[in-house]
Amino acid sequence: MKDFFEGIASLFEDVLFLPLDALRELQDNSWWAANGLNFVFVLIVFVAFLYWMKQLKSFDENDQEDKSVKAHSFLGKDADLE
């Protein structure tokens, strides 16, 4: 059983962590190159946010959103009695 867990440890240390080891080595040479992937992720999130805001604006302009008091079920059954 010990060999099984050592095999798993060896898999992670020798194979699956190689890209992270390469990034650690790259960080000593160039901070910008080491964080390039982070910049790509930030750009993707920024584009997704802009698309989301555009969609919200289009739904608001077309009056497709239900803005009544009972638009959501979690507001309760008696929300319109008050």
N, C-alpha and C. Protein backbone atom coordinates (compact mmCIF):
# COMPACT_ATOMS: atom_id res chain seq x y z
N MET A 1 0.83 -1.18 0.00
CA MET A 1 0.00 0.00 0.00
C MET A 1 0.87 1.25 0.00
N LYS A 2 2.02 1.17 0.68
CA LYS A 2 2.93 2.31 0.73
C LYS A 2 3.45 2.66 -0.66
N ASP A 3 3.70 1.64 -1.48
CA ASP A 3 4.18 1.87 -2.84
C ASP A 3 3.15 2.61 -3.68
N PHE A 4 1.89 2.33 -3.44
CA PHE A 4 0.82 3.00 -4.18
C PHE A 4 0.85 4.51 -3.94
N PHE A 5 0.93 4.90 -2.66
CA PHE A 5 0.94 6.32 -2.33
C PHE A 5 2.24 6.99 -2.77
N GLU A 6 3.34 6.26 -2.72
CA GLU A 6 4.60 6.81 -3.22
C GLU A 6 4.54 6.99 -4.73
N GLY A 7 3.83 6.11 -5.41
CA GLY A 7 3.63 6.26 -6.86
C GLY A 7 2.83 7.51 -7.18
N ILE A 8 1.79 7.75 -6.40
CA ILE A 8 0.99 8.96 -6.60
C ILE A 8 1.85 10.20 -6.34
N ALA A 9 2.64 10.17 -5.29
CA ALA A 9 3.52 11.30 -4.97
C ALA A 9 4.52 11.53 -6.09
N SER A 10 5.07 10.45 -6.61
CA SER A 10 6.04 10.56 -7.70
C SER A 10 5.39 11.13 -8.96
N LEU A 11 4.17 10.71 -9.25
CA LEU A 11 3.44 11.23 -10.41
C LEU A 11 3.29 12.74 -10.32
N PHE A 12 2.86 13.22 -9.17
CA PHE A 12 2.66 14.66 -9.02
C PHE A 12 3.98 15.42 -9.04
N GLU A 13 4.97 14.94 -8.31
CA GLU A 13 6.24 15.67 -8.20
C GLU A 13 7.04 15.64 -9.49
N ASP A 14 7.03 14.53 -10.19
CA ASP A 14 7.90 14.37 -11.36
C ASP A 14 7.23 14.71 -12.68
N VAL A 15 5.90 14.69 -12.73
CA VAL A 15 5.22 14.88 -14.01
C VAL A 15 4.27 16.09 -13.97
N LEU A 16 3.32 16.04 -13.06
CA LEU A 16 2.23 17.02 -13.10
C LEU A 16 2.65 18.41 -12.62
N PHE A 17 3.69 18.51 -11.81
CA PHE A 17 4.14 19.81 -11.33
C PHE A 17 5.25 20.41 -12.19
N LEU A 18 5.60 19.78 -13.30
CA LEU A 18 6.65 20.31 -14.16
C LEU A 18 6.33 21.70 -14.71
N PRO A 19 5.09 21.97 -15.15
CA PRO A 19 4.80 23.34 -15.61
C PRO A 19 4.95 24.39 -14.50
N LEU A 20 4.57 24.02 -13.29
CA LEU A 20 4.72 24.98 -12.18
C LEU A 20 6.18 25.19 -11.83
N ASP A 21 6.98 24.14 -11.93
CA ASP A 21 8.42 24.30 -11.70
C ASP A 21 9.04 25.20 -12.77
N ALA A 22 8.58 25.06 -13.99
CA ALA A 22 9.09 25.91 -15.07
C ALA A 22 8.72 27.37 -14.84
N LEU A 23 7.50 27.62 -14.35
CA LEU A 23 7.10 29.00 -14.04
C LEU A 23 7.94 29.57 -12.90
N ARG A 24 8.26 28.73 -11.92
CA ARG A 24 9.08 29.19 -10.80
C ARG A 24 10.48 29.58 -11.29
N GLU A 25 11.03 28.80 -12.20
CA GLU A 25 12.35 29.12 -12.77
C GLU A 25 12.28 30.38 -13.65
N LEU A 26 11.18 30.52 -14.38
CA LEU A 26 11.01 31.67 -15.26
C LEU A 26 10.86 32.97 -14.47
N GLN A 27 10.30 32.88 -13.29
CA GLN A 27 10.08 34.07 -12.47
C GLN A 27 11.40 34.77 -12.12
N ASP A 28 12.46 34.01 -11.97
CA ASP A 28 13.76 34.61 -11.66
C ASP A 28 14.29 35.44 -12.84
N ASN A 29 13.93 35.04 -14.04
CA ASN A 29 14.43 35.74 -15.23
C ASN A 29 13.52 36.89 -15.67
N SER A 30 12.22 36.66 -15.67
CA SER A 30 11.30 37.67 -16.18
C SER A 30 9.97 37.58 -15.45
N TRP A 31 9.67 38.61 -14.67
CA TRP A 31 8.40 38.64 -13.95
C TRP A 31 7.23 38.73 -14.92
N TRP A 32 7.38 39.52 -15.99
CA TRP A 32 6.30 39.70 -16.96
C TRP A 32 5.94 38.40 -17.67
N ALA A 33 6.94 37.63 -18.04
CA ALA A 33 6.68 36.36 -18.72
C ALA A 33 6.03 35.35 -17.77
N ALA A 34 6.48 35.35 -16.52
CA ALA A 34 5.93 34.40 -15.56
C ALA A 34 4.46 34.70 -15.25
N ASN A 35 4.05 35.95 -15.34
CA ASN A 35 2.68 36.33 -15.04
C ASN A 35 1.84 36.56 -16.29
N GLY A 36 2.34 36.18 -17.44
CA GLY A 36 1.60 36.34 -18.68
C GLY A 36 0.27 35.62 -18.68
N LEU A 37 0.24 34.42 -18.12
CA LEU A 37 -1.02 33.66 -18.06
C LEU A 37 -2.05 34.39 -17.21
N ASN A 38 -1.62 35.02 -16.14
CA ASN A 38 -2.54 35.79 -15.31
C ASN A 38 -3.13 36.96 -16.09
N PHE A 39 -2.31 37.60 -16.91
CA PHE A 39 -2.81 38.71 -17.72
C PHE A 39 -3.85 38.23 -18.72
N VAL A 40 -3.65 37.05 -19.27
CA VAL A 40 -4.63 36.48 -20.20
C VAL A 40 -5.95 36.23 -19.48
N PHE A 41 -5.89 35.68 -18.27
CA PHE A 41 -7.12 35.44 -17.51
C PHE A 41 -7.84 36.74 -17.16
N VAL A 42 -7.09 37.77 -16.80
CA VAL A 42 -7.70 39.07 -16.49
C VAL A 42 -8.38 39.63 -17.74
N LEU A 43 -7.76 39.50 -18.88
CA LEU A 43 -8.35 39.97 -20.12
C LEU A 43 -9.65 39.22 -20.45
N ILE A 44 -9.66 37.91 -20.25
CA ILE A 44 -10.86 37.12 -20.49
C ILE A 44 -12.00 37.56 -19.57
N VAL A 45 -11.70 37.78 -18.30
CA VAL A 45 -12.73 38.22 -17.35
C VAL A 45 -13.24 39.61 -17.73
N PHE A 46 -12.36 40.50 -18.16
CA PHE A 46 -12.76 41.84 -18.56
C PHE A 46 -13.71 41.81 -19.76
N VAL A 47 -13.38 40.99 -20.75
CA VAL A 47 -14.24 40.87 -21.94
C VAL A 47 -15.59 40.25 -21.56
N ALA A 48 -15.58 39.25 -20.68
CA ALA A 48 -16.83 38.63 -20.25
C ALA A 48 -17.69 39.64 -19.48
N PHE A 49 -17.06 40.47 -18.66
CA PHE A 49 -17.80 41.49 -17.92
C PHE A 49 -18.44 42.51 -18.86
N LEU A 50 -17.69 42.95 -19.87
CA LEU A 50 -18.25 43.89 -20.83
C LEU A 50 -19.43 43.28 -21.59
N TYR A 51 -19.31 42.01 -21.98
CA TYR A 51 -20.41 41.33 -22.68
C TYR A 51 -21.63 41.23 -21.77
N TRP A 52 -21.40 40.90 -20.49
CA TRP A 52 -22.50 40.78 -19.54
C TRP A 52 -23.21 42.12 -19.38
N MET A 53 -22.46 43.21 -19.25
CA MET A 53 -23.06 44.52 -19.10
C MET A 53 -23.85 44.91 -20.36
N LYS A 54 -23.33 44.56 -21.53
CA LYS A 54 -24.05 44.84 -22.78
C LYS A 54 -25.37 44.08 -22.83
N GLN A 55 -25.36 42.83 -22.41
CA GLN A 55 -26.59 42.04 -22.40
C GLN A 55 -27.59 42.60 -21.40
N LEU A 56 -27.13 43.00 -20.22
CA LEU A 56 -28.03 43.58 -19.24
C LEU A 56 -28.66 44.86 -19.76
N LYS A 57 -27.88 45.68 -20.44
CA LYS A 57 -28.40 46.93 -21.00
C LYS A 57 -29.45 46.65 -22.08
N SER A 58 -29.20 45.65 -22.92
CA SER A 58 -30.17 45.35 -23.97
C SER A 58 -31.47 44.81 -23.39
N PHE A 59 -31.40 43.97 -22.35
CA PHE A 59 -32.63 43.48 -21.71
C PHE A 59 -33.37 44.61 -21.02
N ASP A 60 -32.64 45.55 -20.42
CA ASP A 60 -33.29 46.67 -19.74
C ASP A 60 -33.98 47.58 -20.75
N GLU A 61 -33.38 47.80 -21.91
CA GLU A 61 -33.98 48.65 -22.93
C GLU A 61 -35.20 48.01 -23.57
N ASN A 62 -35.25 46.69 -23.66
CA ASN A 62 -36.38 45.99 -24.28
C ASN A 62 -37.49 45.67 -23.30
N ASP A 63 -37.34 46.05 -22.04
CA ASP A 63 -38.32 45.76 -20.98
C ASP A 63 -38.67 44.27 -20.91
N GLN A 64 -37.67 43.43 -21.02
CA GLN A 64 -37.89 41.98 -20.94
C GLN A 64 -37.77 41.46 -19.52
N GLU A 65 -37.33 42.29 -18.60
CA GLU A 65 -37.15 41.85 -17.23
C GLU A 65 -38.42 42.07 -16.43
N ASP A 66 -38.81 41.09 -15.64
CA ASP A 66 -39.98 41.20 -14.77
C ASP A 66 -39.56 41.96 -13.52
N LYS A 67 -40.04 43.19 -13.37
CA LYS A 67 -39.65 44.02 -12.23
C LYS A 67 -40.75 44.12 -11.18
N SER A 68 -41.72 43.21 -11.23
CA SER A 68 -42.80 43.24 -10.23
C SER A 68 -42.27 42.75 -8.88
N VAL A 69 -43.06 42.98 -7.86
CA VAL A 69 -42.65 42.63 -6.50
C VAL A 69 -42.48 41.12 -6.37
N LYS A 70 -43.33 40.35 -7.04
CA LYS A 70 -43.28 38.89 -6.94
C LYS A 70 -42.51 38.27 -8.09
N ALA A 71 -41.50 38.95 -8.59
CA ALA A 71 -40.72 38.42 -9.70
C ALA A 71 -39.93 37.18 -9.29
N HIS A 72 -39.62 37.06 -7.99
CA HIS A 72 -38.86 35.91 -7.51
C HIS A 72 -39.66 35.17 -6.46
N SER A 73 -39.62 33.86 -6.52
CA SER A 73 -40.43 33.05 -5.61
C SER A 73 -39.98 33.18 -4.16
N PHE A 74 -38.73 33.51 -3.90
CA PHE A 74 -38.25 33.57 -2.53
C PHE A 74 -38.77 34.81 -1.78
N LEU A 75 -39.45 35.71 -2.48
CA LEU A 75 -40.00 36.89 -1.80
C LEU A 75 -41.27 36.54 -1.04
N GLY A 76 -41.84 35.41 -1.27
CA GLY A 76 -42.99 34.96 -0.50
C GLY A 76 -44.30 35.09 -1.24
N LYS A 77 -45.29 34.35 -0.74
CA LYS A 77 -46.60 34.34 -1.37
C LYS A 77 -47.37 35.63 -1.07
N ASP A 78 -47.17 36.20 0.10
CA ASP A 78 -47.98 37.33 0.54
C ASP A 78 -47.32 38.68 0.23
N ALA A 79 -46.41 38.72 -0.69
CA ALA A 79 -45.71 39.97 -0.99
C ALA A 79 -46.63 41.00 -1.64
N ASP A 80 -47.66 40.53 -2.36
CA ASP A 80 -48.54 41.49 -3.03
C ASP A 80 -49.70 41.92 -2.15
N LEU A 81 -49.85 41.38 -0.94
CA LEU A 81 -50.96 41.75 -0.06
C LEU A 81 -50.65 43.01 0.72
N GLU A 82 -49.43 43.42 0.81
CA GLU A 82 -49.07 44.57 1.63
C GLU A 82 -49.34 45.87 0.93
